[in-house]
Amino acid sequence: MQTVPVMISTKDLAYLSDMFEWNFTASKVANHYSKEVQKEEIKSFILKVAEVHKENCEKCIQMLGGNYEN
């Protein structure tokens, strides 16, 4: 039986790139707004949102076989 080669199509790569950009931008925006708010409860929530988007960026990189380090 033949095995499927480990590769990614151009279309998939473009979509992963878009997903990374969406999440990277959302993380940056959330971090920015976390510095603008005064209430700690809201700031904490916004930082959690930023962290979720950062984790999504890391997952995109992992799908491409990259090594992400903080």
PDB file of N, CA and C in Angstrom:
ATOM      1  N   MET A   1       0.841  -1.182   0.000  1.00  0.00           N
ATOM      2  CA  MET A   1       0.000   0.000   0.000  1.00  0.00           C
ATOM      3  C   MET A   1       0.884   1.242   0.000  1.00  0.00           C
ATOM      4  N   GLN A   2       0.527   2.199  -0.811  1.00  0.00           N
ATOM      5  CA  GLN A   2       1.281   3.448  -0.867  1.00  0.00           C
ATOM      6  C   GLN A   2       0.903   4.347   0.303  1.00  0.00           C
ATOM      7  N   THR A   3       1.863   5.117   0.775  1.00  0.00           N
ATOM      8  CA  THR A   3       1.587   6.074   1.852  1.00  0.00           C
ATOM      9  C   THR A   3       1.473   7.469   1.273  1.00  0.00           C
ATOM     10  N   VAL A   4       0.705   8.268   1.928  1.00  0.00           N
ATOM     11  CA  VAL A   4       0.510   9.653   1.496  1.00  0.00           C
ATOM     12  C   VAL A   4       1.714  10.466   1.950  1.00  0.00           C
ATOM     13  N   PRO A   5       2.319  11.231   1.045  1.00  0.00           N
ATOM     14  CA  PRO A   5       3.479  12.038   1.440  1.00  0.00           C
ATOM     15  C   PRO A   5       3.070  13.151   2.406  1.00  0.00           C
ATOM     16  N   VAL A   6       4.007  13.498   3.265  1.00  0.00           N
ATOM     17  CA  VAL A   6       3.751  14.583   4.221  1.00  0.00           C
ATOM     18  C   VAL A   6       4.008  15.894   3.497  1.00  0.00           C
ATOM     19  N   MET A   7       2.944  16.537   3.114  1.00  0.00           N
ATOM     20  CA  MET A   7       3.059  17.819   2.418  1.00  0.00           C
ATOM     21  C   MET A   7       1.783  18.614   2.621  1.00  0.00           C
ATOM     22  N   ILE A   8       1.843  19.856   2.267  1.00  0.00           N
ATOM     23  CA  ILE A   8       0.691  20.735   2.424  1.00  0.00           C
ATOM     24  C   ILE A   8       0.467  21.448   1.093  1.00  0.00           C
ATOM     25  N   SER A   9      -0.784  21.569   0.706  1.00  0.00           N
ATOM     26  CA  SER A   9      -1.083  22.210  -0.577  1.00  0.00           C
ATOM     27  C   SER A   9      -0.908  23.726  -0.465  1.00  0.00           C
ATOM     28  N   THR A  10      -0.779  24.358  -1.593  1.00  0.00           N
ATOM     29  CA  THR A  10      -0.653  25.813  -1.637  1.00  0.00           C
ATOM     30  C   THR A  10      -1.881  26.488  -1.030  1.00  0.00           C
ATOM     31  N   LYS A  11      -3.040  25.924  -1.330  1.00  0.00           N
ATOM     32  CA  LYS A  11      -4.290  26.485  -0.796  1.00  0.00           C
ATOM     33  C   LYS A  11      -4.338  26.350   0.728  1.00  0.00           C
ATOM     34  N   ASP A  12      -3.931  25.188   1.241  1.00  0.00           N
ATOM     35  CA  ASP A  12      -3.900  24.990   2.692  1.00  0.00           C
ATOM     36  C   ASP A  12      -2.898  25.929   3.354  1.00  0.00           C
ATOM     37  N   LEU A  13      -1.751  26.091   2.720  1.00  0.00           N
ATOM     38  CA  LEU A  13      -0.735  26.995   3.262  1.00  0.00           C
ATOM     39  C   LEU A  13      -1.258  28.428   3.325  1.00  0.00           C
ATOM     40  N   ALA A  14      -1.952  28.851   2.281  1.00  0.00           N
ATOM     41  CA  ALA A  14      -2.513  30.198   2.267  1.00  0.00           C
ATOM     42  C   ALA A  14      -3.542  30.368   3.384  1.00  0.00           C
ATOM     43  N   TYR A  15      -4.360  29.347   3.601  1.00  0.00           N
ATOM     44  CA  TYR A  15      -5.374  29.435   4.656  1.00  0.00           C
ATOM     45  C   TYR A  15      -4.728  29.450   6.037  1.00  0.00           C
ATOM     46  N   LEU A  16      -3.717  28.598   6.249  1.00  0.00           N
ATOM     47  CA  LEU A  16      -3.004  28.613   7.524  1.00  0.00           C
ATOM     48  C   LEU A  16      -2.338  29.961   7.774  1.00  0.00           C
ATOM     49  N   SER A  17      -1.809  30.541   6.722  1.00  0.00           N
ATOM     50  CA  SER A  17      -1.197  31.869   6.836  1.00  0.00           C
ATOM     51  C   SER A  17      -2.239  32.909   7.244  1.00  0.00           C
ATOM     52  N   ASP A  18      -3.395  32.845   6.630  1.00  0.00           N
ATOM     53  CA  ASP A  18      -4.489  33.759   6.990  1.00  0.00           C
ATOM     54  C   ASP A  18      -4.916  33.554   8.443  1.00  0.00           C
ATOM     55  N   MET A  19      -5.063  32.285   8.845  1.00  0.00           N
ATOM     56  CA  MET A  19      -5.463  31.997  10.226  1.00  0.00           C
ATOM     57  C   MET A  19      -4.440  32.554  11.209  1.00  0.00           C
ATOM     58  N   PHE A  20      -3.157  32.387  10.888  1.00  0.00           N
ATOM     59  CA  PHE A  20      -2.112  32.916  11.756  1.00  0.00           C
ATOM     60  C   PHE A  20      -2.241  34.436  11.863  1.00  0.00           C
ATOM     61  N   GLU A  21      -2.400  35.100  10.731  1.00  0.00           N
ATOM     62  CA  GLU A  21      -2.505  36.566  10.728  1.00  0.00           C
ATOM     63  C   GLU A  21      -3.717  37.056  11.512  1.00  0.00           C
ATOM     64  N   TRP A  22      -4.865  36.395  11.368  1.00  0.00           N
ATOM     65  CA  TRP A  22      -6.069  36.789  12.114  1.00  0.00           C
ATOM     66  C   TRP A  22      -5.813  36.692  13.613  1.00  0.00           C
ATOM     67  N   ASN A  23      -5.241  35.577  14.025  1.00  0.00           N
ATOM     68  CA  ASN A  23      -5.005  35.366  15.455  1.00  0.00           C
ATOM     69  C   ASN A  23      -3.900  36.258  15.994  1.00  0.00           C
ATOM     70  N   PHE A  24      -2.865  36.484  15.205  1.00  0.00           N
ATOM     71  CA  PHE A  24      -1.767  37.357  15.630  1.00  0.00           C
ATOM     72  C   PHE A  24      -2.288  38.779  15.831  1.00  0.00           C
ATOM     73  N   THR A  25      -3.077  39.257  14.880  1.00  0.00           N
ATOM     74  CA  THR A  25      -3.643  40.603  14.988  1.00  0.00           C
ATOM     75  C   THR A  25      -4.587  40.706  16.186  1.00  0.00           C
ATOM     76  N   ALA A  26      -5.430  39.707  16.375  1.00  0.00           N
ATOM     77  CA  ALA A  26      -6.370  39.721  17.507  1.00  0.00           C
ATOM     78  C   ALA A  26      -5.614  39.724  18.833  1.00  0.00           C
ATOM     79  N   SER A  27      -4.519  38.969  18.908  1.00  0.00           N
ATOM     80  CA  SER A  27      -3.719  38.935  20.133  1.00  0.00           C
ATOM     81  C   SER A  27      -3.085  40.300  20.409  1.00  0.00           C
ATOM     82  N   LYS A  28      -2.537  40.919  19.366  1.00  0.00           N
ATOM     83  CA  LYS A  28      -1.934  42.246  19.526  1.00  0.00           C
ATOM     84  C   LYS A  28      -2.966  43.276  19.972  1.00  0.00           C
ATOM     85  N   VAL A  29      -4.137  43.246  19.365  1.00  0.00           N
ATOM     86  CA  VAL A  29      -5.191  44.205  19.714  1.00  0.00           C
ATOM     87  C   VAL A  29      -5.650  43.994  21.155  1.00  0.00           C
ATOM     88  N   ALA A  30      -5.829  42.741  21.534  1.00  0.00           N
ATOM     89  CA  ALA A  30      -6.258  42.450  22.908  1.00  0.00           C
ATOM     90  C   ALA A  30      -5.205  42.914  23.914  1.00  0.00           C
ATOM     91  N   ASN A  31      -3.933  42.661  23.617  1.00  0.00           N
ATOM     92  CA  ASN A  31      -2.875  43.137  24.514  1.00  0.00           C
ATOM     93  C   ASN A  31      -2.884  44.656  24.628  1.00  0.00           C
ATOM     94  N   HIS A  32      -3.100  45.322  23.522  1.00  0.00           N
ATOM     95  CA  HIS A  32      -3.167  46.789  23.542  1.00  0.00           C
ATOM     96  C   HIS A  32      -4.304  47.272  24.450  1.00  0.00           C
ATOM     97  N   TYR A  33      -5.486  46.698  24.251  1.00  0.00           N
ATOM     98  CA  TYR A  33      -6.634  47.152  25.033  1.00  0.00           C
ATOM     99  C   TYR A  33      -6.551  46.743  26.497  1.00  0.00           C
ATOM    100  N   SER A  34      -5.794  45.703  26.790  1.00  0.00           N
ATOM    101  CA  SER A  34      -5.625  45.329  28.205  1.00  0.00           C
ATOM    102  C   SER A  34      -4.877  46.423  28.966  1.00  0.00           C
ATOM    103  N   LYS A  35      -4.078  47.187  28.247  1.00  0.00           N
ATOM    104  CA  LYS A  35      -3.335  48.291  28.874  1.00  0.00           C
ATOM    105  C   LYS A  35      -4.182  49.556  28.996  1.00  0.00           C
ATOM    106  N   GLU A  36      -5.287  49.591  28.277  1.00  0.00           N
ATOM    107  CA  GLU A  36      -6.140  50.776  28.270  1.00  0.00           C
ATOM    108  C   GLU A  36      -7.226  50.754  29.341  1.00  0.00           C
ATOM    109  N   VAL A  37      -7.573  49.565  29.824  1.00  0.00           N
ATOM    110  CA  VAL A  37      -8.663  49.463  30.800  1.00  0.00           C
ATOM    111  C   VAL A  37      -8.125  49.581  32.219  1.00  0.00           C
ATOM    112  N   GLN A  38      -9.007  49.989  33.134  1.00  0.00           N
ATOM    113  CA  GLN A  38      -8.604  50.202  34.512  1.00  0.00           C
ATOM    114  C   GLN A  38      -9.076  49.068  35.429  1.00  0.00           C
ATOM    115  N   LYS A  39     -10.220  48.486  35.124  1.00  0.00           N
ATOM    116  CA  LYS A  39     -10.761  47.436  35.982  1.00  0.00           C
ATOM    117  C   LYS A  39      -9.969  46.141  35.788  1.00  0.00           C
ATOM    118  N   GLU A  40      -9.499  45.585  36.897  1.00  0.00           N
ATOM    119  CA  GLU A  40      -8.679  44.378  36.838  1.00  0.00           C
ATOM    120  C   GLU A  40      -9.445  43.179  36.283  1.00  0.00           C
ATOM    121  N   GLU A  41     -10.733  43.100  36.569  1.00  0.00           N
ATOM    122  CA  GLU A  41     -11.547  41.982  36.073  1.00  0.00           C
ATOM    123  C   GLU A  41     -11.598  41.991  34.540  1.00  0.00           C
ATOM    124  N   ILE A  42     -11.792  43.158  33.978  1.00  0.00           N
ATOM    125  CA  ILE A  42     -11.851  43.282  32.517  1.00  0.00           C
ATOM    126  C   ILE A  42     -10.474  43.060  31.919  1.00  0.00           C
ATOM    127  N   LYS A  43      -9.451  43.626  32.555  1.00  0.00           N
ATOM    128  CA  LYS A  43      -8.081  43.457  32.075  1.00  0.00           C
ATOM    129  C   LYS A  43      -7.706  41.970  32.049  1.00  0.00           C
ATOM    130  N   SER A  44      -8.067  41.253  33.088  1.00  0.00           N
ATOM    131  CA  SER A  44      -7.767  39.827  33.170  1.00  0.00           C
ATOM    132  C   SER A  44      -8.458  39.058  32.048  1.00  0.00           C
ATOM    133  N   PHE A  45      -9.712  39.393  31.783  1.00  0.00           N
ATOM    134  CA  PHE A  45     -10.453  38.729  30.722  1.00  0.00           C
ATOM    135  C   PHE A  45      -9.811  39.008  29.361  1.00  0.00           C
ATOM    136  N   ILE A  46      -9.443  40.244  29.113  1.00  0.00           N
ATOM    137  CA  ILE A  46      -8.832  40.607  27.829  1.00  0.00           C
ATOM    138  C   ILE A  46      -7.492  39.894  27.655  1.00  0.00           C
ATOM    139  N   LEU A  47      -6.729  39.771  28.734  1.00  0.00           N
ATOM    140  CA  LEU A  47      -5.456  39.051  28.646  1.00  0.00           C
ATOM    141  C   LEU A  47      -5.666  37.568  28.358  1.00  0.00           C
ATOM    142  N   LYS A  48      -6.747  36.997  28.868  1.00  0.00           N
ATOM    143  CA  LYS A  48      -7.072  35.602  28.555  1.00  0.00           C
ATOM    144  C   LYS A  48      -7.404  35.464  27.066  1.00  0.00           C
ATOM    145  N   VAL A  49      -8.132  36.435  26.539  1.00  0.00           N
ATOM    146  CA  VAL A  49      -8.459  36.433  25.109  1.00  0.00           C
ATOM    147  C   VAL A  49      -7.168  36.491  24.286  1.00  0.00           C
ATOM    148  N   ALA A  50      -6.251  37.364  24.684  1.00  0.00           N
ATOM    149  CA  ALA A  50      -4.973  37.481  23.979  1.00  0.00           C
ATOM    150  C   ALA A  50      -4.211  36.162  24.024  1.00  0.00           C
ATOM    151  N   GLU A  51      -4.244  35.493  25.160  1.00  0.00           N
ATOM    152  CA  GLU A  51      -3.530  34.220  25.313  1.00  0.00           C
ATOM    153  C   GLU A  51      -4.127  33.137  24.416  1.00  0.00           C
ATOM    154  N   VAL A  52      -5.443  33.098  24.306  1.00  0.00           N
ATOM    155  CA  VAL A  52      -6.097  32.118  23.426  1.00  0.00           C
ATOM    156  C   VAL A  52      -5.647  32.331  21.982  1.00  0.00           C
ATOM    157  N   HIS A  53      -5.598  33.571  21.545  1.00  0.00           N
ATOM    158  CA  HIS A  53      -5.171  33.853  20.171  1.00  0.00           C
ATOM    159  C   HIS A  53      -3.691  33.527  19.980  1.00  0.00           C
ATOM    160  N   LYS A  54      -2.880  33.763  20.994  1.00  0.00           N
ATOM    161  CA  LYS A  54      -1.460  33.406  20.918  1.00  0.00           C
ATOM    162  C   LYS A  54      -1.311  31.888  20.783  1.00  0.00           C
ATOM    163  N   GLU A  55      -2.078  31.140  21.557  1.00  0.00           N
ATOM    164  CA  GLU A  55      -2.031  29.676  21.462  1.00  0.00           C
ATOM    165  C   GLU A  55      -2.460  29.206  20.077  1.00  0.00           C
ATOM    166  N   ASN A  56      -3.442  29.878  19.486  1.00  0.00           N
ATOM    167  CA  ASN A  56      -3.868  29.524  18.128  1.00  0.00           C
ATOM    168  C   ASN A  56      -2.739  29.764  17.125  1.00  0.00           C
ATOM    169  N   CYS A  57      -1.979  30.851  17.318  1.00  0.00           N
ATOM    170  CA  CYS A  57      -0.824  31.121  16.453  1.00  0.00           C
ATOM    171  C   CYS A  57       0.196  29.999  16.585  1.00  0.00           C
ATOM    172  N   GLU A  58       0.449  29.570  17.799  1.00  0.00           N
ATOM    173  CA  GLU A  58       1.402  28.481  18.038  1.00  0.00           C
ATOM    174  C   GLU A  58       0.940  27.196  17.363  1.00  0.00           C
ATOM    175  N   LYS A  59      -0.355  26.936  17.392  1.00  0.00           N
ATOM    176  CA  LYS A  59      -0.889  25.729  16.742  1.00  0.00           C
ATOM    177  C   LYS A  59      -0.695  25.797  15.226  1.00  0.00           C
ATOM    178  N   CYS A  60      -0.895  26.983  14.647  1.00  0.00           N
ATOM    179  CA  CYS A  60      -0.672  27.144  13.202  1.00  0.00           C
ATOM    180  C   CYS A  60       0.780  26.834  12.858  1.00  0.00           C
ATOM    181  N   ILE A  61       1.702  27.332  13.676  1.00  0.00           N
ATOM    182  CA  ILE A  61       3.123  27.085  13.434  1.00  0.00           C
ATOM    183  C   ILE A  61       3.436  25.601  13.579  1.00  0.00           C
ATOM    184  N   GLN A  62       2.852  24.966  14.586  1.00  0.00           N
ATOM    185  CA  GLN A  62       3.078  23.533  14.786  1.00  0.00           C
ATOM    186  C   GLN A  62       2.564  22.717  13.610  1.00  0.00           C
ATOM    187  N   MET A  63       1.450  23.128  13.021  1.00  0.00           N
ATOM    188  CA  MET A  63       0.908  22.409  11.870  1.00  0.00           C
ATOM    189  C   MET A  63       1.867  22.452  10.694  1.00  0.00           C
ATOM    190  N   LEU A  64       2.651  23.508  10.644  1.00  0.00           N
ATOM    191  CA  LEU A  64       3.618  23.645   9.560  1.00  0.00           C
ATOM    192  C   LEU A  64       4.953  23.000   9.896  1.00  0.00           C
ATOM    193  N   GLY A  65       5.034  22.418  11.086  1.00  0.00           N
ATOM    194  CA  GLY A  65       6.262  21.739  11.477  1.00  0.00           C
ATOM    195  C   GLY A  65       7.317  22.661  12.041  1.00  0.00           C
ATOM    196  N   GLY A  66       6.924  23.881  12.362  1.00  0.00           N
ATOM    197  CA  GLY A  66       7.870  24.835  12.928  1.00  0.00           C
ATOM    198  C   GLY A  66       8.026  24.665  14.414  1.00  0.00           C
ATOM    199  N   ASN A  67       9.090  25.196  14.933  1.00  0.00           N
ATOM    200  CA  ASN A  67       9.341  25.166  16.369  1.00  0.00           C
ATOM    201  C   ASN A  67       9.117  26.565  16.913  1.00  0.00           C
ATOM    202  N   TYR A  68       8.142  26.706  17.768  1.00  0.00           N
ATOM    203  CA  TYR A  68       7.821  28.018  18.333  1.00  0.00           C
ATOM    204  C   TYR A  68       8.383  28.102  19.733  1.00  0.00           C
ATOM    205  N   GLU A  69       9.117  29.151  20.000  1.00  0.00           N
ATOM    206  CA  GLU A  69       9.635  29.388  21.342  1.00  0.00           C
ATOM    207  C   GLU A  69       9.227  30.785  21.772  1.00  0.00           C
ATOM    208  N   ASN A  70       8.859  30.900  23.048  1.00  0.00           N
ATOM    209  CA  ASN A  70       8.466  32.211  23.591  1.00  0.00           C
ATOM    210  C   ASN A  70       9.656  33.107  23.721  1.00  0.00           C
TER     211      ASN A  70
END
